[in-house]
């Protein structure tokens, strides 16, 4: 099978690139589009460090053959901040010390964004369930859960808009 041109909407912008057969969404985001926030961790879909949103749903981009999502809307961490201003989730992660080494942060934030988009008032149990597919070896998870809860509170108050 020859390489093909793949079209996606990435962070709101139409993008086209050439993809080898079977190339992963992660590889294309990083290598073809220069979007490096999503990380290659386990390459088995188990760690969550490569999580992006495909049509609003969290996906392990290391497992997705890019040609299977041609035409989709893909959101990465690079597209979350608007005009250089962090959104509620990003700000809460910083202020609640939910980032340490930063390797899992992109995936955690993308999962949190998806959760809050579908459930603006989650319980702590909802947050724990949402991040359960993402591994963090540094924070012990408590600051991450607190950050997502704080982001939900801020969105509820209208403190920062996306």
C-alpha atoms as a PDB file:
ATOM      1  CA  UNK A   1       0.000   0.000   0.000  1.00  0.00           C
ATOM      2  CA  UNK A   2       1.476   3.389  -0.941  1.00  0.00           C
ATOM      3  CA  UNK A   3       1.684   6.453   1.271  1.00  0.00           C
ATOM      4  CA  UNK A   4      -1.337   8.703   1.131  1.00  0.00           C
ATOM      5  CA  UNK A   5      -2.353  12.264   1.807  1.00  0.00           C
ATOM      6  CA  UNK A   6      -4.333  12.519   5.013  1.00  0.00           C
ATOM      7  CA  UNK A   7      -6.532  15.498   5.855  1.00  0.00           C
ATOM      8  CA  UNK A   8      -7.468  16.357   9.433  1.00  0.00           C
ATOM      9  CA  UNK A   9      -8.699  19.383  11.310  1.00  0.00           C
ATOM     10  CA  UNK A  10      -6.059  19.810  14.011  1.00  0.00           C
ATOM     11  CA  UNK A  11      -6.711  22.329  16.761  1.00  0.00           C
ATOM     12  CA  UNK A  12      -9.294  23.989  14.538  1.00  0.00           C
ATOM     13  CA  UNK A  13      -7.037  24.288  11.478  1.00  0.00           C
ATOM     14  CA  UNK A  14      -7.306  22.130   8.325  1.00  0.00           C
ATOM     15  CA  UNK A  15      -4.050  20.196   7.893  1.00  0.00           C
ATOM     16  CA  UNK A  16      -2.777  17.803   5.220  1.00  0.00           C
ATOM     17  CA  UNK A  17       0.292  15.600   5.251  1.00  0.00           C
ATOM     18  CA  UNK A  18       1.649  12.449   3.684  1.00  0.00           C
ATOM     19  CA  UNK A  19       1.364   9.366   5.859  1.00  0.00           C
ATOM     20  CA  UNK A  20       2.944   5.976   5.390  1.00  0.00           C
ATOM     21  CA  UNK A  21       0.575   3.010   5.576  1.00  0.00           C
ATOM     22  CA  UNK A  22      -0.225   2.192   9.189  1.00  0.00           C
ATOM     23  CA  UNK A  23       1.395   5.359  10.554  1.00  0.00           C
ATOM     24  CA  UNK A  24      -0.029   6.247  13.928  1.00  0.00           C
ATOM     25  CA  UNK A  25      -1.817   9.461  14.684  1.00  0.00           C
ATOM     26  CA  UNK A  26       0.840  10.116  17.330  1.00  0.00           C
ATOM     27  CA  UNK A  27       3.700   9.768  14.857  1.00  0.00           C
ATOM     28  CA  UNK A  28       2.005  12.045  12.345  1.00  0.00           C
ATOM     29  CA  UNK A  29       1.186  14.712  14.925  1.00  0.00           C
ATOM     30  CA  UNK A  30       4.757  14.732  16.185  1.00  0.00           C
ATOM     31  CA  UNK A  31       6.742  14.145  12.996  1.00  0.00           C
ATOM     32  CA  UNK A  32       4.600  15.607  10.220  1.00  0.00           C
ATOM     33  CA  UNK A  33       2.938  18.467  12.088  1.00  0.00           C
ATOM     34  CA  UNK A  34       5.523  19.262  14.776  1.00  0.00           C
ATOM     35  CA  UNK A  35       2.986  18.951  17.609  1.00  0.00           C
ATOM     36  CA  UNK A  36       5.021  17.319  20.345  1.00  0.00           C
ATOM     37  CA  UNK A  37       2.876  17.704  23.488  1.00  0.00           C
ATOM     38  CA  UNK A  38       1.468  14.183  23.136  1.00  0.00           C
ATOM     39  CA  UNK A  39       4.239  11.844  24.243  1.00  0.00           C
ATOM     40  CA  UNK A  40       5.225   8.338  23.153  1.00  0.00           C
ATOM     41  CA  UNK A  41       5.175   6.370  26.380  1.00  0.00           C
ATOM     42  CA  UNK A  42       4.291   2.698  26.341  1.00  0.00           C
ATOM     43  CA  UNK A  43       3.240   2.518  22.654  1.00  0.00           C
ATOM     44  CA  UNK A  44       0.534   0.079  23.779  1.00  0.00           C
ATOM     45  CA  UNK A  45      -2.276   2.439  24.758  1.00  0.00           C
ATOM     46  CA  UNK A  46      -1.859   1.759  28.467  1.00  0.00           C
ATOM     47  CA  UNK A  47      -0.153   4.878  29.861  1.00  0.00           C
ATOM     48  CA  UNK A  48      -2.206   7.767  28.448  1.00  0.00           C
ATOM     49  CA  UNK A  49       0.745  10.038  27.707  1.00  0.00           C
ATOM     50  CA  UNK A  50      -0.248  10.203  24.037  1.00  0.00           C
ATOM     51  CA  UNK A  51      -3.912  11.059  24.667  1.00  0.00           C
ATOM     52  CA  UNK A  52      -5.512  13.510  22.254  1.00  0.00           C
ATOM     53  CA  UNK A  53      -9.152  14.209  21.503  1.00  0.00           C
ATOM     54  CA  UNK A  54     -10.572  12.813  18.281  1.00  0.00           C
ATOM     55  CA  UNK A  55     -13.955  14.367  17.585  1.00  0.00           C
ATOM     56  CA  UNK A  56     -14.063  15.320  21.262  1.00  0.00           C
ATOM     57  CA  UNK A  57     -13.300  11.855  22.663  1.00  0.00           C
ATOM     58  CA  UNK A  58     -10.018  10.879  24.342  1.00  0.00           C
ATOM     59  CA  UNK A  59      -7.962   8.496  22.227  1.00  0.00           C
ATOM     60  CA  UNK A  60      -4.572   6.861  22.726  1.00  0.00           C
ATOM     61  CA  UNK A  61      -2.990   8.305  19.588  1.00  0.00           C
ATOM     62  CA  UNK A  62      -0.265   5.655  19.627  1.00  0.00           C
ATOM     63  CA  UNK A  63      -2.902   3.044  18.721  1.00  0.00           C
ATOM     64  CA  UNK A  64      -4.807   4.961  16.066  1.00  0.00           C
ATOM     65  CA  UNK A  65      -3.833   4.404  12.440  1.00  0.00           C
ATOM     66  CA  UNK A  66      -4.028   7.922  11.064  1.00  0.00           C
ATOM     67  CA  UNK A  67      -5.854   6.886   7.901  1.00  0.00           C
ATOM     68  CA  UNK A  68      -8.753   5.621  10.066  1.00  0.00           C
ATOM     69  CA  UNK A  69      -9.423   9.127  11.360  1.00  0.00           C
ATOM     70  CA  UNK A  70      -8.995  11.030   8.089  1.00  0.00           C
ATOM     71  CA  UNK A  71     -11.357  13.997   8.093  1.00  0.00           C
ATOM     72  CA  UNK A  72     -11.720  13.978  11.888  1.00  0.00           C
ATOM     73  CA  UNK A  73     -11.212  16.865  14.258  1.00  0.00           C
ATOM     74  CA  UNK A  74      -8.161  16.307  16.474  1.00  0.00           C
ATOM     75  CA  UNK A  75      -7.370  18.403  19.528  1.00  0.00           C
ATOM     76  CA  UNK A  76      -3.959  18.401  21.168  1.00  0.00           C
ATOM     77  CA  UNK A  77      -2.592  20.290  24.139  1.00  0.00           C
ATOM     78  CA  UNK A  78      -1.127  22.870  21.761  1.00  0.00           C
ATOM     79  CA  UNK A  79      -4.678  23.907  20.856  1.00  0.00           C
ATOM     80  CA  UNK A  80      -6.050  24.332  24.384  1.00  0.00           C
ATOM     81  CA  UNK A  81      -4.665  27.749  25.321  1.00  0.00           C
ATOM     82  CA  UNK A  82      -6.213  30.625  23.431  1.00  0.00           C
ATOM     83  CA  UNK A  83      -4.221  33.701  22.579  1.00  0.00           C
ATOM     84  CA  UNK A  84      -1.427  32.584  24.869  1.00  0.00           C
ATOM     85  CA  UNK A  85      -3.737  32.428  27.892  1.00  0.00           C
ATOM     86  CA  UNK A  86      -4.023  29.134  29.749  1.00  0.00           C
ATOM     87  CA  UNK A  87      -7.538  27.778  30.144  1.00  0.00           C
ATOM     88  CA  UNK A  88      -9.062  26.716  33.468  1.00  0.00           C
ATOM     89  CA  UNK A  89      -7.677  23.186  33.347  1.00  0.00           C
ATOM     90  CA  UNK A  90      -4.151  24.269  32.499  1.00  0.00           C
ATOM     91  CA  UNK A  91      -4.178  27.022  35.127  1.00  0.00           C
ATOM     92  CA  UNK A  92      -5.516  24.685  37.791  1.00  0.00           C
ATOM     93  CA  UNK A  93      -2.837  22.087  36.973  1.00  0.00           C
ATOM     94  CA  UNK A  94      -0.157  24.708  37.541  1.00  0.00           C
ATOM     95  CA  UNK A  95      -1.672  26.194  40.674  1.00  0.00           C
ATOM     96  CA  UNK A  96      -2.527  22.818  42.280  1.00  0.00           C
ATOM     97  CA  UNK A  97       0.976  21.452  41.600  1.00  0.00           C
ATOM     98  CA  UNK A  98      -0.482  18.711  39.392  1.00  0.00           C
ATOM     99  CA  UNK A  99       2.588  18.694  37.173  1.00  0.00           C
ATOM    100  CA  UNK A 100       5.985  17.428  38.148  1.00  0.00           C
ATOM    101  CA  UNK A 101       8.063  15.827  35.431  1.00  0.00           C
ATOM    102  CA  UNK A 102       5.394  16.781  32.881  1.00  0.00           C
ATOM    103  CA  UNK A 103       5.444  13.564  30.882  1.00  0.00           C
ATOM    104  CA  UNK A 104       1.833  12.629  31.656  1.00  0.00           C
ATOM    105  CA  UNK A 105       0.537  16.202  31.819  1.00  0.00           C
ATOM    106  CA  UNK A 106      -0.605  16.550  28.208  1.00  0.00           C
ATOM    107  CA  UNK A 107      -2.667  13.364  28.348  1.00  0.00           C
ATOM    108  CA  UNK A 108      -4.099  14.208  31.763  1.00  0.00           C
ATOM    109  CA  UNK A 109      -5.157  17.666  30.618  1.00  0.00           C
ATOM    110  CA  UNK A 110      -6.763  16.338  27.447  1.00  0.00           C
ATOM    111  CA  UNK A 111      -8.742  13.750  29.419  1.00  0.00           C
ATOM    112  CA  UNK A 112      -9.805  16.480  31.868  1.00  0.00           C
ATOM    113  CA  UNK A 113     -10.881  18.738  28.993  1.00  0.00           C
ATOM    114  CA  UNK A 114     -13.063  15.950  27.565  1.00  0.00           C
ATOM    115  CA  UNK A 115     -14.549  15.158  30.974  1.00  0.00           C
ATOM    116  CA  UNK A 116     -15.455  18.775  31.712  1.00  0.00           C
ATOM    117  CA  UNK A 117     -16.888  19.271  28.229  1.00  0.00           C
ATOM    118  CA  UNK A 118     -19.331  16.399  28.764  1.00  0.00           C
ATOM    119  CA  UNK A 119     -19.787  16.759  32.551  1.00  0.00           C
ATOM    120  CA  UNK A 120     -19.188  20.309  33.805  1.00  0.00           C
ATOM    121  CA  UNK A 121     -19.849  19.344  37.442  1.00  0.00           C
ATOM    122  CA  UNK A 122     -18.036  16.041  38.016  1.00  0.00           C
ATOM    123  CA  UNK A 123     -17.663  14.290  41.343  1.00  0.00           C
ATOM    124  CA  UNK A 124     -14.207  13.242  42.508  1.00  0.00           C
ATOM    125  CA  UNK A 125     -15.188   9.695  41.530  1.00  0.00           C
ATOM    126  CA  UNK A 126     -15.967  10.918  37.990  1.00  0.00           C
ATOM    127  CA  UNK A 127     -12.539  12.533  37.790  1.00  0.00           C
ATOM    128  CA  UNK A 128     -10.801   9.413  39.101  1.00  0.00           C
ATOM    129  CA  UNK A 129     -12.624   7.292  36.539  1.00  0.00           C
ATOM    130  CA  UNK A 130     -11.801   9.720  33.725  1.00  0.00           C
ATOM    131  CA  UNK A 131      -8.058   9.747  34.467  1.00  0.00           C
ATOM    132  CA  UNK A 132      -7.891   6.022  35.214  1.00  0.00           C
ATOM    133  CA  UNK A 133      -6.342   5.278  31.812  1.00  0.00           C
ATOM    134  CA  UNK A 134      -3.469   7.687  32.425  1.00  0.00           C
ATOM    135  CA  UNK A 135      -0.417   6.824  34.470  1.00  0.00           C
ATOM    136  CA  UNK A 136       1.464   9.381  36.549  1.00  0.00           C
ATOM    137  CA  UNK A 137       4.562   8.265  38.361  1.00  0.00           C
ATOM    138  CA  UNK A 138       5.235  11.558  40.161  1.00  0.00           C
ATOM    139  CA  UNK A 139       2.225  13.243  41.756  1.00  0.00           C
ATOM    140  CA  UNK A 140       0.361  10.463  43.524  1.00  0.00           C
ATOM    141  CA  UNK A 141      -2.767  11.583  41.592  1.00  0.00           C
ATOM    142  CA  UNK A 142      -4.269  13.688  44.418  1.00  0.00           C
ATOM    143  CA  UNK A 143      -3.053  17.022  42.969  1.00  0.00           C
ATOM    144  CA  UNK A 144      -4.374  16.000  39.546  1.00  0.00           C
ATOM    145  CA  UNK A 145      -7.821  15.214  40.931  1.00  0.00           C
ATOM    146  CA  UNK A 146      -7.785  18.488  42.880  1.00  0.00           C
ATOM    147  CA  UNK A 147      -6.780  20.401  39.738  1.00  0.00           C
ATOM    148  CA  UNK A 148      -9.638  18.955  37.694  1.00  0.00           C
ATOM    149  CA  UNK A 149     -12.122  19.708  40.478  1.00  0.00           C
ATOM    150  CA  UNK A 150     -10.772  23.282  40.702  1.00  0.00           C
ATOM    151  CA  UNK A 151     -11.052  23.684  36.917  1.00  0.00           C
ATOM    152  CA  UNK A 152     -14.667  22.498  37.072  1.00  0.00           C
ATOM    153  CA  UNK A 153     -15.372  25.019  39.839  1.00  0.00           C
ATOM    154  CA  UNK A 154     -13.814  27.827  37.789  1.00  0.00           C
ATOM    155  CA  UNK A 155     -15.747  26.896  34.671  1.00  0.00           C
ATOM    156  CA  UNK A 156     -18.929  26.807  36.735  1.00  0.00           C
ATOM    157  CA  UNK A 157     -18.208  30.307  37.991  1.00  0.00           C
ATOM    158  CA  UNK A 158     -17.273  31.502  34.533  1.00  0.00           C
ATOM    159  CA  UNK A 159     -13.843  32.569  35.808  1.00  0.00           C
ATOM    160  CA  UNK A 160     -12.154  31.846  32.496  1.00  0.00           C
ATOM    161  CA  UNK A 161     -13.833  31.014  29.203  1.00  0.00           C
ATOM    162  CA  UNK A 162     -12.593  28.837  26.430  1.00  0.00           C
END
